[in-house]
C-alpha atoms as a PDB file:
ATOM      1  CA  MET A   1       0.000   0.000   0.000  1.00  0.00           C
ATOM      2  CA  GLY A   2       1.419   3.381  -1.012  1.00  0.00           C
ATOM      3  CA  THR A   3       0.964   6.721   0.599  1.00  0.00           C
ATOM      4  CA  SER A   4      -0.548   9.957  -0.607  1.00  0.00           C
ATOM      5  CA  VAL A   5      -0.632  13.515   0.633  1.00  0.00           C
ATOM      6  CA  LEU A   6      -3.794  15.165   1.927  1.00  0.00           C
ATOM      7  CA  SER A   7      -3.676  18.862   2.620  1.00  0.00           C
ATOM      8  CA  LEU A   8      -6.257  20.435   4.906  1.00  0.00           C
ATOM      9  CA  ARG A   9      -7.086  24.016   5.689  1.00  0.00           C
ATOM     10  CA  ILE A  10      -8.372  24.270   9.267  1.00  0.00           C
ATOM     11  CA  ASP A  11      -8.815  27.166  11.605  1.00  0.00           C
ATOM     12  CA  HIS A  12      -6.291  27.937  14.325  1.00  0.00           C
ATOM     13  CA  GLU A  13      -8.585  26.922  17.184  1.00  0.00           C
ATOM     14  CA  LEU A  14      -9.165  23.448  15.763  1.00  0.00           C
ATOM     15  CA  LEU A  15      -5.453  22.968  15.097  1.00  0.00           C
ATOM     16  CA  GLU A  16      -4.659  23.893  18.703  1.00  0.00           C
ATOM     17  CA  ARG A  17      -7.225  21.387  19.978  1.00  0.00           C
ATOM     18  CA  LEU A  18      -5.699  18.710  17.749  1.00  0.00           C
ATOM     19  CA  ARG A  19      -2.215  19.578  19.018  1.00  0.00           C
ATOM     20  CA  HIS A  20      -3.454  19.317  22.598  1.00  0.00           C
ATOM     21  CA  HIS A  21      -5.085  15.900  22.057  1.00  0.00           C
ATOM     22  CA  ALA A  22      -2.050  14.612  20.166  1.00  0.00           C
ATOM     23  CA  ALA A  23       0.381  15.868  22.818  1.00  0.00           C
ATOM     24  CA  LYS A  24      -1.565  14.109  25.578  1.00  0.00           C
ATOM     25  CA  ARG A  25      -0.894  10.873  23.716  1.00  0.00           C
ATOM     26  CA  GLY A  26       2.693  11.690  22.822  1.00  0.00           C
ATOM     27  CA  MET A  27       1.857  11.824  19.120  1.00  0.00           C
ATOM     28  CA  SER A  28       2.271  14.238  16.246  1.00  0.00           C
ATOM     29  CA  VAL A  29      -0.869  15.936  14.943  1.00  0.00           C
ATOM     30  CA  GLN A  30      -0.507  13.977  11.705  1.00  0.00           C
ATOM     31  CA  ASP A  31      -0.310  10.630  13.508  1.00  0.00           C
ATOM     32  CA  TYR A  32      -3.218  11.559  15.770  1.00  0.00           C
ATOM     33  CA  VAL A  33      -5.467  12.513  12.846  1.00  0.00           C
ATOM     34  CA  VAL A  34      -4.558   9.397  10.845  1.00  0.00           C
ATOM     35  CA  ARG A  35      -5.157   7.145  13.849  1.00  0.00           C
ATOM     36  CA  THR A  36      -8.518   8.793  14.459  1.00  0.00           C
ATOM     37  CA  LEU A  37      -9.552   8.344  10.828  1.00  0.00           C
ATOM     38  CA  VAL A  38      -8.475   4.693  10.826  1.00  0.00           C
ATOM     39  CA  ARG A  39     -10.330   4.030  14.081  1.00  0.00           C
ATOM     40  CA  ASP A  40     -13.507   5.671  12.773  1.00  0.00           C
ATOM     41  CA  ASP A  41     -13.232   3.715   9.531  1.00  0.00           C
ATOM     42  CA  PHE A  42     -12.815   0.475  11.477  1.00  0.00           C
ATOM     43  CA  ASP A  43     -15.802   1.286  13.706  1.00  0.00           C
ATOM     44  CA  GLU A  44     -17.950   1.960  10.637  1.00  0.00           C
ATOM     45  CA  ARG A  45     -16.837  -1.229   8.886  1.00  0.00           C
ATOM     46  CA  PHE A  46     -17.329  -3.263  12.069  1.00  0.00           C
ATOM     47  CA  GLN A  47     -20.852  -1.896  12.558  1.00  0.00           C
ATOM     48  CA  THR A  48     -21.695  -2.759   8.947  1.00  0.00           C
ATOM     49  CA  ALA A  49     -20.407  -6.308   9.479  1.00  0.00           C
ATOM     50  CA  VAL A  50     -22.530  -6.671  12.621  1.00  0.00           C
ATOM     51  CA  GLU A  51     -25.623  -5.429  10.794  1.00  0.00           C
ATOM     52  CA  GLU A  52     -25.033  -7.801   7.876  1.00  0.00           C
ATOM     53  CA  THR A  53     -24.546 -10.718  10.280  1.00  0.00           C
ATOM     54  CA  GLU A  54     -27.772  -9.849  12.077  1.00  0.00           C
ATOM     55  CA  LYS A  55     -29.617  -9.727   8.754  1.00  0.00           C
ATOM     56  CA  PHE A  56     -28.248 -13.151   7.813  1.00  0.00           C
ATOM     57  CA  TYR A  57     -28.753 -14.921  11.148  1.00  0.00           C
ATOM     58  CA  GLY A  58     -31.504 -12.755  12.600  1.00  0.00           C
ATOM     59  CA  SER A  59     -31.180 -10.859  15.824  1.00  0.00           C
ATOM     60  CA  ARG A  60     -30.861 -12.942  18.992  1.00  0.00           C
ATOM     61  CA  ASP A  61     -31.823  -9.947  21.143  1.00  0.00           C
ATOM     62  CA  PRO A  62     -35.622  -9.901  21.582  1.00  0.00           C
ATOM     63  CA  LEU A  63     -35.532  -6.102  21.986  1.00  0.00           C
ATOM     64  CA  VAL A  64     -33.953  -5.616  18.555  1.00  0.00           C
ATOM     65  CA  LYS A  65     -36.387  -5.796  15.648  1.00  0.00           C
END
């Protein structure tokens, strides 16, 4: 898998918040943003897999319709 460049224009306040969150984790802003995007992508893909499994097997939870 190769890499590409993504350039973003964000306001100063948002950048400072990103720097703060990244620093708390000992990360660069770039690494923090990439990790966040990957995590969100995984969560979305995982939720889709769960929904597809429930469609196939049916929900075992009586509260879920």
